[in-house]
Amino acid sequence: MATPAPDSPFALVVDDERALAAMVATYLSRAGLRTAQAHTGPEALARARADDPDVVILDLGLPGMDGVEVCRAIRTFSDCYILMLTARGDEVDRLLGLSAGADDYIVKPFSIREVVARVQAVLRRPRSGRSSGVPHSPRQLPFLIDDISIDFEGREVMRAGHSIPLTRTEFDILSALAARPGQVLTRREILDEVWNSSWVGDEHVVDVHVAHIRQKLQKRADDPRFIATIRGIGYRMARG
């Protein structure tokens, strides 16, 4: 098996099932990624701080510090992609992971090939610059609506002069909508632009991220002033 190049994307695999973590890491290495493993919450947090991974595959149930706590802590210093693993099919667990800042989730038992495909899909998304949904131009001007400014180039959202912290996925979704104010985007269109057209999974992951964006942009989550829900279809950004 070829050794991944020194500049290859780096993946941190976190699971207290050591055999499973090793298997996932092995398959990711075969796919060309550098990898490391952690098996407890505190160890995962320490490795994430030290190694600055591009993506973290994070189990929800960990000893010492659960995956939700680890995810929240990582989000205080890193915008790496986080894929949450959960052995429970309970929707509440999935929502907790996404609420903590995870970009996506995979429910156990899963195919190792599915994990590799999901990791490769998120790594095709740019770490900086505009979302794939934002029209290309020599310079994309910020989108202004009410007292909110969305800077596509600088990947920053401001409200009344104060920065609004968004995860990478939240910003990419907001950018895709703000790039087409007044136009309805279906969940599938948002997934294709933000995740990748090869992404497979529950389309309603978009709903959770949009709810988080609304909570950060506006006082009431059901306020349609910025992002309107088009029932049965998708979402629409108001015109600036």
C-alpha atoms as a PDB file:
ATOM      1  CA  MET A   1       0.000   0.000   0.000  1.00  0.00           C
ATOM      2  CA  ALA A   2       1.451   3.364  -1.036  1.00  0.00           C
ATOM      3  CA  THR A   3       2.218   5.885   1.689  1.00  0.00           C
ATOM      4  CA  PRO A   4       0.060   9.041   1.421  1.00  0.00           C
ATOM      5  CA  ALA A   5       1.950  12.167   0.359  1.00  0.00           C
ATOM      6  CA  PRO A   6       3.016  14.595   3.127  1.00  0.00           C
ATOM      7  CA  ASP A   7       0.594  17.224   1.807  1.00  0.00           C
ATOM      8  CA  SER A   8      -2.373  14.821   1.554  1.00  0.00           C
ATOM      9  CA  PRO A   9      -5.549  15.667   3.481  1.00  0.00           C
ATOM     10  CA  PHE A  10      -5.384  14.608   7.117  1.00  0.00           C
ATOM     11  CA  ALA A  11      -8.201  12.629   8.768  1.00  0.00           C
ATOM     12  CA  LEU A  12      -8.620  12.010  12.486  1.00  0.00           C
ATOM     13  CA  VAL A  13     -10.666   8.877  13.200  1.00  0.00           C
ATOM     14  CA  VAL A  14     -12.243   8.840  16.658  1.00  0.00           C
ATOM     15  CA  ASP A  15     -14.002   5.730  17.986  1.00  0.00           C
ATOM     16  CA  ASP A  16     -13.665   3.757  21.206  1.00  0.00           C
ATOM     17  CA  GLU A  17     -14.017   0.555  19.160  1.00  0.00           C
ATOM     18  CA  ARG A  18     -10.340   0.268  18.301  1.00  0.00           C
ATOM     19  CA  ALA A  19     -10.799  -2.361  15.606  1.00  0.00           C
ATOM     20  CA  LEU A  20     -13.399  -0.223  13.825  1.00  0.00           C
ATOM     21  CA  ALA A  21     -11.255   2.917  14.082  1.00  0.00           C
ATOM     22  CA  ALA A  22      -8.287   1.022  12.672  1.00  0.00           C
ATOM     23  CA  MET A  23     -10.369  -0.322   9.776  1.00  0.00           C
ATOM     24  CA  VAL A  24     -11.714   3.115   8.870  1.00  0.00           C
ATOM     25  CA  ALA A  25      -8.213   4.609   9.095  1.00  0.00           C
ATOM     26  CA  THR A  26      -6.813   1.832   6.884  1.00  0.00           C
ATOM     27  CA  TYR A  27      -9.378   2.415   4.148  1.00  0.00           C
ATOM     28  CA  LEU A  28      -8.837   6.174   4.290  1.00  0.00           C
ATOM     29  CA  SER A  29      -5.072   5.615   3.987  1.00  0.00           C
ATOM     30  CA  ARG A  30      -5.668   3.438   0.934  1.00  0.00           C
ATOM     31  CA  ALA A  31      -7.699   6.332  -0.494  1.00  0.00           C
ATOM     32  CA  GLY A  32      -4.639   8.584  -0.132  1.00  0.00           C
ATOM     33  CA  LEU A  33      -5.286  10.348   3.196  1.00  0.00           C
ATOM     34  CA  ARG A  34      -2.947  10.696   6.131  1.00  0.00           C
ATOM     35  CA  THR A  35      -4.659   9.429   9.277  1.00  0.00           C
ATOM     36  CA  ALA A  36      -4.465   9.312  13.055  1.00  0.00           C
ATOM     37  CA  GLN A  37      -6.700   7.640  15.611  1.00  0.00           C
ATOM     38  CA  ALA A  38      -8.104   8.530  19.032  1.00  0.00           C
ATOM     39  CA  HIS A  39     -10.280   6.416  21.293  1.00  0.00           C
ATOM     40  CA  THR A  40     -11.513   8.739  24.056  1.00  0.00           C
ATOM     41  CA  GLY A  41     -13.039  12.192  24.098  1.00  0.00           C
ATOM     42  CA  PRO A  42     -10.090  13.970  25.765  1.00  0.00           C
ATOM     43  CA  GLU A  43      -7.611  12.194  23.463  1.00  0.00           C
ATOM     44  CA  ALA A  44      -9.646  13.237  20.402  1.00  0.00           C
ATOM     45  CA  LEU A  45      -9.680  16.866  21.491  1.00  0.00           C
ATOM     46  CA  ALA A  46      -5.921  16.862  22.162  1.00  0.00           C
ATOM     47  CA  ARG A  47      -5.172  15.285  18.770  1.00  0.00           C
ATOM     48  CA  ALA A  48      -7.448  17.750  16.968  1.00  0.00           C
ATOM     49  CA  ARG A  49      -5.607  20.663  18.600  1.00  0.00           C
ATOM     50  CA  ALA A  50      -2.176  19.236  17.852  1.00  0.00           C
ATOM     51  CA  ASP A  51      -2.719  17.854  14.340  1.00  0.00           C
ATOM     52  CA  ASP A  52      -5.139  20.376  12.757  1.00  0.00           C
ATOM     53  CA  PRO A  53      -7.030  17.731  10.734  1.00  0.00           C
ATOM     54  CA  ASP A  54      -8.940  18.476   7.556  1.00  0.00           C
ATOM     55  CA  VAL A  55     -11.722  16.111   8.577  1.00  0.00           C
ATOM     56  CA  VAL A  56     -12.713  14.340  11.803  1.00  0.00           C
ATOM     57  CA  ILE A  57     -14.739  11.135  11.804  1.00  0.00           C
ATOM     58  CA  LEU A  58     -16.202  11.345  15.306  1.00  0.00           C
ATOM     59  CA  ASP A  59     -18.161   8.691  17.194  1.00  0.00           C
ATOM     60  CA  LEU A  60     -21.013  10.024  19.312  1.00  0.00           C
ATOM     61  CA  GLY A  61     -20.502   7.629  22.226  1.00  0.00           C
ATOM     62  CA  LEU A  62     -17.008   8.130  23.677  1.00  0.00           C
ATOM     63  CA  PRO A  63     -15.558   7.584  27.147  1.00  0.00           C
ATOM     64  CA  GLY A  64     -14.356  10.577  29.143  1.00  0.00           C
ATOM     65  CA  MET A  65     -16.141  13.162  26.996  1.00  0.00           C
ATOM     66  CA  ASP A  66     -18.901  12.358  24.531  1.00  0.00           C
ATOM     67  CA  GLY A  67     -18.785  13.165  20.850  1.00  0.00           C
ATOM     68  CA  VAL A  68     -21.151  16.125  21.145  1.00  0.00           C
ATOM     69  CA  GLU A  69     -18.884  17.773  23.736  1.00  0.00           C
ATOM     70  CA  VAL A  70     -15.815  17.045  21.617  1.00  0.00           C
ATOM     71  CA  CYS A  71     -17.518  18.506  18.538  1.00  0.00           C
ATOM     72  CA  ARG A  72     -18.470  21.702  20.374  1.00  0.00           C
ATOM     73  CA  ALA A  73     -14.928  22.063  21.706  1.00  0.00           C
ATOM     74  CA  ILE A  74     -13.330  21.526  18.282  1.00  0.00           C
ATOM     75  CA  ARG A  75     -15.586  24.183  16.822  1.00  0.00           C
ATOM     76  CA  THR A  76     -14.007  26.766  19.156  1.00  0.00           C
ATOM     77  CA  PHE A  77     -10.666  26.500  17.327  1.00  0.00           C
ATOM     78  CA  SER A  78     -11.168  24.664  14.015  1.00  0.00           C
ATOM     79  CA  ASP A  79     -13.410  24.743  10.944  1.00  0.00           C
ATOM     80  CA  CYS A  80     -12.456  21.213   9.897  1.00  0.00           C
ATOM     81  CA  TYR A  81     -15.182  19.000   8.514  1.00  0.00           C
ATOM     82  CA  ILE A  82     -16.779  16.774  11.155  1.00  0.00           C
ATOM     83  CA  LEU A  83     -18.673  13.597  10.257  1.00  0.00           C
ATOM     84  CA  MET A  84     -20.506  12.237  13.294  1.00  0.00           C
ATOM     85  CA  LEU A  85     -20.910   8.486  13.764  1.00  0.00           C
ATOM     86  CA  THR A  86     -23.772   7.197  15.861  1.00  0.00           C
ATOM     87  CA  ALA A  87     -24.856   3.677  16.689  1.00  0.00           C
ATOM     88  CA  ARG A  88     -28.302   4.940  17.537  1.00  0.00           C
ATOM     89  CA  GLY A  89     -31.019   5.545  14.976  1.00  0.00           C
ATOM     90  CA  ASP A  90     -32.706   8.092  17.237  1.00  0.00           C
ATOM     91  CA  GLU A  91     -33.209  11.350  15.353  1.00  0.00           C
ATOM     92  CA  VAL A  92     -32.486  13.283  18.557  1.00  0.00           C
ATOM     93  CA  ASP A  93     -28.898  11.982  18.552  1.00  0.00           C
ATOM     94  CA  ARG A  94     -28.393  13.091  14.971  1.00  0.00           C
ATOM     95  CA  LEU A  95     -29.817  16.523  15.702  1.00  0.00           C
ATOM     96  CA  LEU A  96     -27.540  16.867  18.744  1.00  0.00           C
ATOM     97  CA  GLY A  97     -24.502  16.169  16.612  1.00  0.00           C
ATOM     98  CA  LEU A  98     -25.496  18.673  13.944  1.00  0.00           C
ATOM     99  CA  SER A  99     -26.415  21.251  16.593  1.00  0.00           C
ATOM    100  CA  ALA A 100     -22.921  20.903  18.053  1.00  0.00           C
ATOM    101  CA  GLY A 101     -21.372  21.825  14.709  1.00  0.00           C
ATOM    102  CA  ALA A 102     -21.049  18.529  12.823  1.00  0.00           C
ATOM    103  CA  ASP A 103     -21.364  18.802   9.038  1.00  0.00           C
ATOM    104  CA  ASP A 104     -22.970  15.422   8.491  1.00  0.00           C
ATOM    105  CA  TYR A 105     -23.755  12.148  10.236  1.00  0.00           C
ATOM    106  CA  ILE A 106     -23.517   8.453   9.439  1.00  0.00           C
ATOM    107  CA  VAL A 107     -25.555   5.869  11.358  1.00  0.00           C
ATOM    108  CA  LYS A 108     -23.960   2.573  12.421  1.00  0.00           C
ATOM    109  CA  PRO A 109     -23.789  -0.058  11.108  1.00  0.00           C
ATOM    110  CA  PHE A 110     -22.359   1.483   7.967  1.00  0.00           C
ATOM    111  CA  SER A 111     -20.297   0.495   4.961  1.00  0.00           C
ATOM    112  CA  ILE A 112     -16.643   1.508   5.237  1.00  0.00           C
ATOM    113  CA  ARG A 113     -16.818   2.456   1.576  1.00  0.00           C
ATOM    114  CA  GLU A 114     -19.672   4.833   2.411  1.00  0.00           C
ATOM    115  CA  VAL A 115     -17.509   6.552   5.032  1.00  0.00           C
ATOM    116  CA  VAL A 116     -14.644   6.906   2.551  1.00  0.00           C
ATOM    117  CA  ALA A 117     -17.019   8.284  -0.090  1.00  0.00           C
ATOM    118  CA  ARG A 118     -18.485  10.821   2.366  1.00  0.00           C
ATOM    119  CA  VAL A 119     -14.997  11.938   3.431  1.00  0.00           C
ATOM    120  CA  GLN A 120     -13.872  12.321  -0.168  1.00  0.00           C
ATOM    121  CA  ALA A 121     -17.038  14.283  -0.965  1.00  0.00           C
ATOM    122  CA  VAL A 122     -16.541  16.841   1.816  1.00  0.00           C
ATOM    123  CA  LEU A 123     -12.850  17.217   0.985  1.00  0.00           C
ATOM    124  CA  ARG A 124     -13.794  18.257  -2.534  1.00  0.00           C
ATOM    125  CA  ARG A 125     -15.412  21.327  -0.988  1.00  0.00           C
ATOM    126  CA  PRO A 126     -13.060  24.324  -0.784  1.00  0.00           C
ATOM    127  CA  ARG A 127     -11.624  25.222   2.620  1.00  0.00           C
ATOM    128  CA  SER A 128     -11.747  28.892   1.734  1.00  0.00           C
ATOM    129  CA  GLY A 129     -13.191  31.181  -0.904  1.00  0.00           C
ATOM    130  CA  ARG A 130     -16.743  31.180  -2.158  1.00  0.00           C
ATOM    131  CA  SER A 131     -19.216  28.381  -2.062  1.00  0.00           C
ATOM    132  CA  SER A 132     -19.646  26.456  -5.280  1.00  0.00           C
ATOM    133  CA  GLY A 133     -23.101  27.972  -5.483  1.00  0.00           C
ATOM    134  CA  VAL A 134     -21.862  31.552  -5.690  1.00  0.00           C
ATOM    135  CA  PRO A 135     -21.629  32.928  -9.232  1.00  0.00           C
ATOM    136  CA  HIS A 136     -18.083  33.437 -10.473  1.00  0.00           C
ATOM    137  CA  SER A 137     -16.965  37.006 -11.102  1.00  0.00           C
ATOM    138  CA  PRO A 138     -13.708  38.966 -10.771  1.00  0.00           C
ATOM    139  CA  ARG A 139     -14.981  40.115  -7.378  1.00  0.00           C
ATOM    140  CA  GLN A 140     -18.217  39.017  -5.757  1.00  0.00           C
ATOM    141  CA  LEU A 141     -19.638  41.936  -3.801  1.00  0.00           C
ATOM    142  CA  PRO A 142     -21.120  41.308  -0.345  1.00  0.00           C
ATOM    143  CA  PHE A 143     -24.827  40.587  -0.213  1.00  0.00           C
ATOM    144  CA  LEU A 144     -26.685  43.097   1.961  1.00  0.00           C
ATOM    145  CA  ILE A 145     -30.093  42.577   3.548  1.00  0.00           C
ATOM    146  CA  ASP A 146     -31.446  44.600   6.438  1.00  0.00           C
ATOM    147  CA  ASP A 147     -28.476  45.005   8.826  1.00  0.00           C
ATOM    148  CA  ILE A 148     -26.785  41.783   7.657  1.00  0.00           C
ATOM    149  CA  SER A 149     -23.819  41.629   5.286  1.00  0.00           C
ATOM    150  CA  ILE A 150     -22.642  38.361   3.708  1.00  0.00           C
ATOM    151  CA  ASP A 151     -19.070  38.636   2.435  1.00  0.00           C
ATOM    152  CA  PHE A 152     -18.597  35.812  -0.084  1.00  0.00           C
ATOM    153  CA  GLU A 153     -14.912  36.558  -0.608  1.00  0.00           C
ATOM    154  CA  GLY A 154     -13.997  36.807   3.064  1.00  0.00           C
ATOM    155  CA  ARG A 155     -16.486  34.110   4.135  1.00  0.00           C
ATOM    156  CA  GLU A 156     -17.830  36.309   6.893  1.00  0.00           C
ATOM    157  CA  VAL A 157     -21.321  37.307   7.990  1.00  0.00           C
ATOM    158  CA  MET A 158     -21.820  40.547   9.903  1.00  0.00           C
ATOM    159  CA  ARG A 159     -24.869  41.936  11.652  1.00  0.00           C
ATOM    160  CA  ALA A 160     -24.819  45.572  12.737  1.00  0.00           C
ATOM    161  CA  GLY A 161     -21.032  45.480  12.649  1.00  0.00           C
ATOM    162  CA  HIS A 162     -20.697  42.299  14.706  1.00  0.00           C
ATOM    163  CA  SER A 163     -19.463  38.994  13.273  1.00  0.00           C
ATOM    164  CA  ILE A 164     -21.905  36.058  13.309  1.00  0.00           C
ATOM    165  CA  PRO A 165     -20.070  32.740  13.794  1.00  0.00           C
ATOM    166  CA  LEU A 166     -21.186  30.137  11.264  1.00  0.00           C
ATOM    167  CA  THR A 167     -19.754  26.700  10.628  1.00  0.00           C
ATOM    168  CA  ARG A 168     -18.311  26.066   7.187  1.00  0.00           C
ATOM    169  CA  THR A 169     -21.394  24.139   6.123  1.00  0.00           C
ATOM    170  CA  GLU A 170     -23.740  26.820   7.440  1.00  0.00           C
ATOM    171  CA  PHE A 171     -21.842  29.509   5.536  1.00  0.00           C
ATOM    172  CA  ASP A 172     -21.846  27.465   2.334  1.00  0.00           C
ATOM    173  CA  ILE A 173     -25.610  26.929   2.535  1.00  0.00           C
ATOM    174  CA  LEU A 174     -26.221  30.604   3.251  1.00  0.00           C
ATOM    175  CA  SER A 175     -23.949  31.570   0.344  1.00  0.00           C
ATOM    176  CA  ALA A 176     -25.786  29.270  -2.041  1.00  0.00           C
ATOM    177  CA  LEU A 177     -29.109  30.900  -1.088  1.00  0.00           C
ATOM    178  CA  ALA A 178     -27.791  34.478  -0.997  1.00  0.00           C
ATOM    179  CA  ALA A 179     -26.201  34.066  -4.424  1.00  0.00           C
ATOM    180  CA  ARG A 180     -29.736  33.691  -5.850  1.00  0.00           C
ATOM    181  CA  PRO A 181     -32.001  35.995  -3.823  1.00  0.00           C
ATOM    182  CA  GLY A 182     -35.659  35.433  -4.603  1.00  0.00           C
ATOM    183  CA  GLN A 183     -34.998  32.039  -6.208  1.00  0.00           C
ATOM    184  CA  VAL A 184     -36.182  28.804  -4.625  1.00  0.00           C
ATOM    185  CA  LEU A 185     -33.529  26.115  -4.146  1.00  0.00           C
ATOM    186  CA  THR A 186     -34.618  22.573  -3.468  1.00  0.00           C
ATOM    187  CA  ARG A 187     -32.910  20.503  -0.783  1.00  0.00           C
ATOM    188  CA  ARG A 188     -31.310  18.417  -3.512  1.00  0.00           C
ATOM    189  CA  GLU A 189     -29.931  21.505  -5.265  1.00  0.00           C
ATOM    190  CA  ILE A 190     -28.439  22.725  -1.984  1.00  0.00           C
ATOM    191  CA  LEU A 191     -26.911  19.292  -1.339  1.00  0.00           C
ATOM    192  CA  ASP A 192     -25.443  19.180  -4.844  1.00  0.00           C
ATOM    193  CA  GLU A 193     -23.835  22.600  -4.442  1.00  0.00           C
ATOM    194  CA  VAL A 194     -22.672  22.380  -0.851  1.00  0.00           C
ATOM    195  CA  TRP A 195     -21.965  18.683  -0.267  1.00  0.00           C
ATOM    196  CA  ASN A 196     -21.440  17.322  -3.790  1.00  0.00           C
ATOM    197  CA  SER A 197     -23.657  15.757  -6.414  1.00  0.00           C
ATOM    198  CA  SER A 198     -22.334  12.323  -5.391  1.00  0.00           C
ATOM    199  CA  TRP A 199     -23.508  12.769  -1.778  1.00  0.00           C
ATOM    200  CA  VAL A 200     -26.008  10.224  -0.529  1.00  0.00           C
ATOM    201  CA  GLY A 201     -27.957  10.421   2.701  1.00  0.00           C
ATOM    202  CA  ASP A 202     -30.931  12.088   4.337  1.00  0.00           C
ATOM    203  CA  GLU A 203     -31.842  15.285   2.477  1.00  0.00           C
ATOM    204  CA  HIS A 204     -33.383  16.675   5.661  1.00  0.00           C
ATOM    205  CA  VAL A 205     -29.875  17.341   6.997  1.00  0.00           C
ATOM    206  CA  VAL A 206     -30.338  20.625   5.083  1.00  0.00           C
ATOM    207  CA  ASP A 207     -33.320  21.524   7.285  1.00  0.00           C
ATOM    208  CA  VAL A 208     -31.267  21.223  10.464  1.00  0.00           C
ATOM    209  CA  HIS A 209     -28.490  23.443   9.140  1.00  0.00           C
ATOM    210  CA  VAL A 210     -30.968  26.054   7.876  1.00  0.00           C
ATOM    211  CA  ALA A 211     -32.613  26.104  11.317  1.00  0.00           C
ATOM    212  CA  HIS A 212     -29.211  26.818  12.886  1.00  0.00           C
ATOM    213  CA  ILE A 213     -28.531  29.601  10.385  1.00  0.00           C
ATOM    214  CA  ARG A 214     -31.889  31.186  11.183  1.00  0.00           C
ATOM    215  CA  GLN A 215     -31.216  31.046  14.918  1.00  0.00           C
ATOM    216  CA  LYS A 216     -27.974  32.937  14.371  1.00  0.00           C
ATOM    217  CA  LEU A 217     -29.336  35.492  11.893  1.00  0.00           C
ATOM    218  CA  GLN A 218     -32.666  36.355  13.457  1.00  0.00           C
ATOM    219  CA  LYS A 219     -34.394  36.519  16.812  1.00  0.00           C
ATOM    220  CA  ARG A 220     -37.155  34.081  15.873  1.00  0.00           C
ATOM    221  CA  ALA A 221     -36.477  30.831  14.034  1.00  0.00           C
ATOM    222  CA  ASP A 222     -39.829  31.049  12.226  1.00  0.00           C
ATOM    223  CA  ASP A 223     -39.218  34.602  10.970  1.00  0.00           C
ATOM    224  CA  PRO A 224     -39.249  34.339   7.137  1.00  0.00           C
ATOM    225  CA  ARG A 225     -37.710  37.774   6.645  1.00  0.00           C
ATOM    226  CA  PHE A 226     -34.333  36.356   5.543  1.00  0.00           C
ATOM    227  CA  ILE A 227     -34.815  32.693   4.608  1.00  0.00           C
ATOM    228  CA  ALA A 228     -38.308  31.521   3.700  1.00  0.00           C
ATOM    229  CA  THR A 229     -39.415  27.897   3.701  1.00  0.00           C
ATOM    230  CA  ILE A 230     -41.216  26.892   0.517  1.00  0.00           C
ATOM    231  CA  ARG A 231     -43.232  23.970   1.812  1.00  0.00           C
ATOM    232  CA  GLY A 232     -42.534  20.705   0.056  1.00  0.00           C
ATOM    233  CA  ILE A 233     -39.809  22.250  -2.106  1.00  0.00           C
ATOM    234  CA  GLY A 234     -36.964  23.976  -0.313  1.00  0.00           C
ATOM    235  CA  TYR A 235     -35.792  27.452   0.693  1.00  0.00           C
ATOM    236  CA  ARG A 236     -35.583  30.975  -0.697  1.00  0.00           C
ATOM    237  CA  MET A 237     -33.397  33.898   0.360  1.00  0.00           C
ATOM    238  CA  ALA A 238     -35.153  37.248   0.484  1.00  0.00           C
ATOM    239  CA  ARG A 239     -33.961  39.947  -1.899  1.00  0.00           C
ATOM    240  CA  GLY A 240     -31.575  42.483  -0.431  1.00  0.00           C
END
